[in-house]
Amino acid sequence: MKRILSFITVLTLLLTSCSGEDGRDGRDGLDGAIIASSAFEIVLDFTPENNYSFVEPYGFNVLPTDVTLVYISWEVDNGQDVWRLLPQTEYFDHGELVYNFDFTQNDVRFFLDGTADFSLLDTSYTNQQVFRVVVVPADNVGRIDHSDLNTVMDMYGIESFEKR
């Protein structure tokens, strides 16, 4: 009788411990949470007329707890764009240039910062600068390396960026 009770107990534990839906492969630690993310790409010119700054409304809903990440197209390596998470700094003999951003629930602001005289910069540093903006839920920040745009795109299922 003792054996039968032990067998039934073990069988019950096995059957109840293996219930539920499978999680998404490669997404351990997310507790089955649905991850929503919005993204866009924008090309900007930083000029004295716009005070080396530009504000872009999101055009989609952003929750107060969401976090905005901004990447700049830094260089091209073997035909592939290399993206870097802002802020990024360039150093010159006459000072430094920092590509930076800040954000609210309504918009993101891109701006040049630093000690360099922006009016003396070559236009390759100020014109046709390409940025990718990704808005992610704050609960997921810190779970992956956000400095790598490809990892972020994979994590949040971003296949393309709306061009603005």
C-alpha atoms as a PDB file:
ATOM      1  CA  MET A   1       0.000   0.000   0.000  1.00  0.00           C
ATOM      2  CA  LYS A   2       2.868   2.341   0.846  1.00  0.00           C
ATOM      3  CA  ARG A   3       4.383   1.726  -2.578  1.00  0.00           C
ATOM      4  CA  ILE A   4       1.149   2.531  -4.374  1.00  0.00           C
ATOM      5  CA  LEU A   5       0.728   5.824  -2.466  1.00  0.00           C
ATOM      6  CA  SER A   6       4.341   6.778  -3.229  1.00  0.00           C
ATOM      7  CA  PHE A   7       3.854   5.932  -6.907  1.00  0.00           C
ATOM      8  CA  ILE A   8       0.628   7.973  -7.105  1.00  0.00           C
ATOM      9  CA  THR A   9       2.300  10.929  -5.355  1.00  0.00           C
ATOM     10  CA  VAL A  10       5.275  10.902  -7.729  1.00  0.00           C
ATOM     11  CA  LEU A  11       2.999  10.528 -10.762  1.00  0.00           C
ATOM     12  CA  THR A  12       0.807  13.419  -9.594  1.00  0.00           C
ATOM     13  CA  LEU A  13       3.849  15.653  -9.094  1.00  0.00           C
ATOM     14  CA  LEU A  14       5.186  14.826 -12.535  1.00  0.00           C
ATOM     15  CA  LEU A  15       1.909  15.537 -14.269  1.00  0.00           C
ATOM     16  CA  THR A  16       1.237  18.848 -12.498  1.00  0.00           C
ATOM     17  CA  SER A  17       4.780  20.217 -12.710  1.00  0.00           C
ATOM     18  CA  CYS A  18       4.819  20.047 -16.516  1.00  0.00           C
ATOM     19  CA  SER A  19       1.657  21.989 -17.299  1.00  0.00           C
ATOM     20  CA  GLY A  20       1.279  25.313 -19.078  1.00  0.00           C
ATOM     21  CA  GLU A  21       2.319  26.831 -22.379  1.00  0.00           C
ATOM     22  CA  ASP A  22       5.874  26.825 -23.646  1.00  0.00           C
ATOM     23  CA  GLY A  23       7.786  30.085 -23.420  1.00  0.00           C
ATOM     24  CA  ARG A  24       9.341  31.695 -26.492  1.00  0.00           C
ATOM     25  CA  ASP A  25      12.704  30.161 -27.323  1.00  0.00           C
ATOM     26  CA  GLY A  26      15.639  32.381 -26.423  1.00  0.00           C
ATOM     27  CA  ARG A  27      13.544  34.706 -24.302  1.00  0.00           C
ATOM     28  CA  ASP A  28      14.233  33.291 -20.854  1.00  0.00           C
ATOM     29  CA  GLY A  29      13.482  35.554 -17.935  1.00  0.00           C
ATOM     30  CA  LEU A  30      10.679  37.513 -19.578  1.00  0.00           C
ATOM     31  CA  ASP A  31       7.922  35.569 -17.800  1.00  0.00           C
ATOM     32  CA  GLY A  32       5.870  35.362 -20.984  1.00  0.00           C
ATOM     33  CA  ALA A  33       5.424  39.146 -21.062  1.00  0.00           C
ATOM     34  CA  ILE A  34       4.357  40.676 -24.350  1.00  0.00           C
ATOM     35  CA  ILE A  35       6.972  43.105 -25.532  1.00  0.00           C
ATOM     36  CA  ALA A  36       5.765  46.047 -27.561  1.00  0.00           C
ATOM     37  CA  SER A  37       8.170  48.382 -29.257  1.00  0.00           C
ATOM     38  CA  SER A  38       7.934  51.196 -31.786  1.00  0.00           C
ATOM     39  CA  ALA A  39      10.722  52.476 -33.981  1.00  0.00           C
ATOM     40  CA  PHE A  40      11.559  54.982 -36.719  1.00  0.00           C
ATOM     41  CA  GLU A  41      14.527  56.324 -38.682  1.00  0.00           C
ATOM     42  CA  ILE A  42      15.162  60.010 -39.301  1.00  0.00           C
ATOM     43  CA  VAL A  43      17.780  61.985 -41.262  1.00  0.00           C
ATOM     44  CA  LEU A  44      18.671  65.397 -39.822  1.00  0.00           C
ATOM     45  CA  ASP A  45      20.757  68.465 -40.551  1.00  0.00           C
ATOM     46  CA  PHE A  46      22.132  70.326 -37.540  1.00  0.00           C
ATOM     47  CA  THR A  47      22.382  74.017 -38.492  1.00  0.00           C
ATOM     48  CA  PRO A  48      22.689  77.406 -36.797  1.00  0.00           C
ATOM     49  CA  GLU A  49      19.075  78.056 -37.918  1.00  0.00           C
ATOM     50  CA  ASN A  50      17.756  75.144 -35.822  1.00  0.00           C
ATOM     51  CA  ASN A  51      20.265  75.864 -33.044  1.00  0.00           C
ATOM     52  CA  TYR A  52      21.906  72.478 -33.769  1.00  0.00           C
ATOM     53  CA  SER A  53      18.836  70.778 -32.355  1.00  0.00           C
ATOM     54  CA  PHE A  54      15.716  69.057 -33.698  1.00  0.00           C
ATOM     55  CA  VAL A  55      12.521  67.846 -31.978  1.00  0.00           C
ATOM     56  CA  GLU A  56      10.504  65.005 -33.502  1.00  0.00           C
ATOM     57  CA  PRO A  57       7.074  63.932 -32.170  1.00  0.00           C
ATOM     58  CA  TYR A  58       6.748  60.146 -31.922  1.00  0.00           C
ATOM     59  CA  GLY A  59       3.523  59.802 -33.887  1.00  0.00           C
ATOM     60  CA  PHE A  60       2.494  56.850 -31.704  1.00  0.00           C
ATOM     61  CA  ASN A  61       1.524  56.344 -28.066  1.00  0.00           C
ATOM     62  CA  VAL A  62       4.364  56.274 -25.565  1.00  0.00           C
ATOM     63  CA  LEU A  63       3.672  55.236 -21.986  1.00  0.00           C
ATOM     64  CA  PRO A  64       5.155  57.215 -19.085  1.00  0.00           C
ATOM     65  CA  THR A  65       7.227  54.145 -18.192  1.00  0.00           C
ATOM     66  CA  ASP A  66       8.655  53.629 -21.704  1.00  0.00           C
ATOM     67  CA  VAL A  67      12.297  54.392 -22.475  1.00  0.00           C
ATOM     68  CA  THR A  68      13.641  55.875 -25.705  1.00  0.00           C
ATOM     69  CA  LEU A  69      16.897  54.619 -27.209  1.00  0.00           C
ATOM     70  CA  VAL A  70      18.590  56.515 -30.050  1.00  0.00           C
ATOM     71  CA  TYR A  71      21.286  55.145 -32.357  1.00  0.00           C
ATOM     72  CA  ILE A  72      23.402  57.045 -34.872  1.00  0.00           C
ATOM     73  CA  SER A  73      24.752  55.631 -38.123  1.00  0.00           C
ATOM     74  CA  TRP A  74      28.427  55.946 -37.227  1.00  0.00           C
ATOM     75  CA  GLU A  75      30.244  54.403 -40.180  1.00  0.00           C
ATOM     76  CA  VAL A  76      29.998  51.791 -42.907  1.00  0.00           C
ATOM     77  CA  ASP A  77      32.103  48.639 -42.561  1.00  0.00           C
ATOM     78  CA  ASN A  78      32.228  46.282 -45.557  1.00  0.00           C
ATOM     79  CA  GLY A  79      28.930  47.661 -46.824  1.00  0.00           C
ATOM     80  CA  GLN A  80      27.205  47.303 -43.433  1.00  0.00           C
ATOM     81  CA  ASP A  81      25.986  50.273 -41.399  1.00  0.00           C
ATOM     82  CA  VAL A  82      27.532  50.460 -37.941  1.00  0.00           C
ATOM     83  CA  TRP A  83      25.097  51.873 -35.368  1.00  0.00           C
ATOM     84  CA  ARG A  84      26.106  53.345 -32.012  1.00  0.00           C
ATOM     85  CA  LEU A  85      23.927  54.121 -29.022  1.00  0.00           C
ATOM     86  CA  LEU A  86      23.849  57.814 -28.095  1.00  0.00           C
ATOM     87  CA  PRO A  87      25.515  59.757 -26.661  1.00  0.00           C
ATOM     88  CA  GLN A  88      28.604  59.544 -28.892  1.00  0.00           C
ATOM     89  CA  THR A  89      31.595  61.884 -28.790  1.00  0.00           C
ATOM     90  CA  GLU A  90      34.009  63.066 -31.494  1.00  0.00           C
ATOM     91  CA  TYR A  91      37.244  64.767 -30.388  1.00  0.00           C
ATOM     92  CA  PHE A  92      38.909  67.614 -32.289  1.00  0.00           C
ATOM     93  CA  ASP A  93      41.887  69.896 -31.652  1.00  0.00           C
ATOM     94  CA  HIS A  94      39.439  72.726 -30.966  1.00  0.00           C
ATOM     95  CA  GLY A  95      37.110  70.786 -28.624  1.00  0.00           C
ATOM     96  CA  GLU A  96      34.674  67.933 -28.597  1.00  0.00           C
ATOM     97  CA  LEU A  97      31.364  67.262 -30.303  1.00  0.00           C
ATOM     98  CA  VAL A  98      28.712  65.144 -28.589  1.00  0.00           C
ATOM     99  CA  TYR A  99      25.713  63.752 -30.456  1.00  0.00           C
ATOM    100  CA  ASN A 100      23.046  63.542 -27.783  1.00  0.00           C
ATOM    101  CA  PHE A 101      19.302  63.304 -27.186  1.00  0.00           C
ATOM    102  CA  ASP A 102      16.605  63.607 -24.574  1.00  0.00           C
ATOM    103  CA  PHE A 103      13.002  62.499 -24.614  1.00  0.00           C
ATOM    104  CA  THR A 104       9.571  63.064 -23.139  1.00  0.00           C
ATOM    105  CA  GLN A 105       6.386  61.065 -23.444  1.00  0.00           C
ATOM    106  CA  ASN A 106       5.536  63.153 -26.541  1.00  0.00           C
ATOM    107  CA  ASP A 107       8.779  63.568 -28.485  1.00  0.00           C
ATOM    108  CA  VAL A 108      12.504  63.022 -28.791  1.00  0.00           C
ATOM    109  CA  ARG A 109      15.039  65.843 -29.162  1.00  0.00           C
ATOM    110  CA  PHE A 110      18.325  65.346 -31.018  1.00  0.00           C
ATOM    111  CA  PHE A 111      21.060  67.891 -30.357  1.00  0.00           C
ATOM    112  CA  LEU A 112      24.751  68.649 -30.618  1.00  0.00           C
ATOM    113  CA  ASP A 113      26.589  69.300 -27.391  1.00  0.00           C
ATOM    114  CA  GLY A 114      30.207  69.798 -26.401  1.00  0.00           C
ATOM    115  CA  THR A 115      32.958  72.398 -26.449  1.00  0.00           C
ATOM    116  CA  ALA A 116      33.612  72.565 -30.205  1.00  0.00           C
ATOM    117  CA  ASP A 117      32.462  75.555 -32.239  1.00  0.00           C
ATOM    118  CA  PHE A 118      29.759  73.841 -34.293  1.00  0.00           C
ATOM    119  CA  SER A 119      29.954  76.465 -37.028  1.00  0.00           C
ATOM    120  CA  LEU A 120      33.553  75.373 -37.750  1.00  0.00           C
ATOM    121  CA  LEU A 121      32.648  71.701 -38.182  1.00  0.00           C
ATOM    122  CA  ASP A 122      32.795  70.048 -41.575  1.00  0.00           C
ATOM    123  CA  THR A 123      29.284  69.388 -42.894  1.00  0.00           C
ATOM    124  CA  SER A 124      29.980  65.637 -42.689  1.00  0.00           C
ATOM    125  CA  TYR A 125      29.445  66.055 -38.925  1.00  0.00           C
ATOM    126  CA  THR A 126      26.284  68.151 -39.154  1.00  0.00           C
ATOM    127  CA  ASN A 127      24.373  67.294 -42.344  1.00  0.00           C
ATOM    128  CA  GLN A 128      22.482  64.138 -43.289  1.00  0.00           C
ATOM    129  CA  GLN A 129      22.963  62.506 -39.893  1.00  0.00           C
ATOM    130  CA  VAL A 130      20.930  59.275 -39.713  1.00  0.00           C
ATOM    131  CA  PHE A 131      19.317  58.226 -36.437  1.00  0.00           C
ATOM    132  CA  ARG A 132      17.221  55.243 -35.441  1.00  0.00           C
ATOM    133  CA  VAL A 133      14.831  55.684 -32.528  1.00  0.00           C
ATOM    134  CA  VAL A 134      13.471  52.718 -30.576  1.00  0.00           C
ATOM    135  CA  VAL A 135      10.923  53.079 -27.764  1.00  0.00           C
ATOM    136  CA  VAL A 136      10.940  50.110 -25.382  1.00  0.00           C
ATOM    137  CA  PRO A 137       9.081  49.209 -22.200  1.00  0.00           C
ATOM    138  CA  ALA A 138      11.161  50.197 -19.168  1.00  0.00           C
ATOM    139  CA  ASP A 139      10.535  46.797 -17.579  1.00  0.00           C
ATOM    140  CA  ASN A 140      12.786  45.248 -20.232  1.00  0.00           C
ATOM    141  CA  VAL A 141      15.709  47.682 -19.943  1.00  0.00           C
ATOM    142  CA  GLY A 142      18.749  45.986 -18.456  1.00  0.00           C
ATOM    143  CA  ARG A 143      17.851  42.511 -19.745  1.00  0.00           C
ATOM    144  CA  ILE A 144      19.902  42.832 -22.934  1.00  0.00           C
ATOM    145  CA  ASP A 145      22.821  44.867 -24.256  1.00  0.00           C
ATOM    146  CA  HIS A 146      21.015  47.931 -25.643  1.00  0.00           C
ATOM    147  CA  SER A 147      24.233  49.286 -27.178  1.00  0.00           C
ATOM    148  CA  ASP A 148      23.870  46.741 -30.014  1.00  0.00           C
ATOM    149  CA  LEU A 149      21.028  47.796 -32.328  1.00  0.00           C
ATOM    150  CA  ASN A 150      20.821  44.354 -33.955  1.00  0.00           C
ATOM    151  CA  THR A 151      20.262  42.716 -30.563  1.00  0.00           C
ATOM    152  CA  VAL A 152      17.555  45.270 -29.727  1.00  0.00           C
ATOM    153  CA  MET A 153      15.854  44.709 -33.092  1.00  0.00           C
ATOM    154  CA  ASP A 154      15.876  40.953 -32.543  1.00  0.00           C
ATOM    155  CA  MET A 155      14.660  41.236 -28.944  1.00  0.00           C
ATOM    156  CA  TYR A 156      11.707  43.460 -29.821  1.00  0.00           C
ATOM    157  CA  GLY A 157      10.882  41.951 -33.203  1.00  0.00           C
ATOM    158  CA  ILE A 158      11.731  45.095 -35.189  1.00  0.00           C
ATOM    159  CA  GLU A 159      12.109  44.200 -38.860  1.00  0.00           C
ATOM    160  CA  SER A 160      12.221  47.693 -40.353  1.00  0.00           C
ATOM    161  CA  PHE A 161      12.202  51.355 -39.427  1.00  0.00           C
ATOM    162  CA  GLU A 162       9.601  53.854 -40.584  1.00  0.00           C
ATOM    163  CA  LYS A 163      11.493  56.512 -42.589  1.00  0.00           C
ATOM    164  CA  ARG A 164      10.775  60.117 -41.692  1.00  0.00           C
END
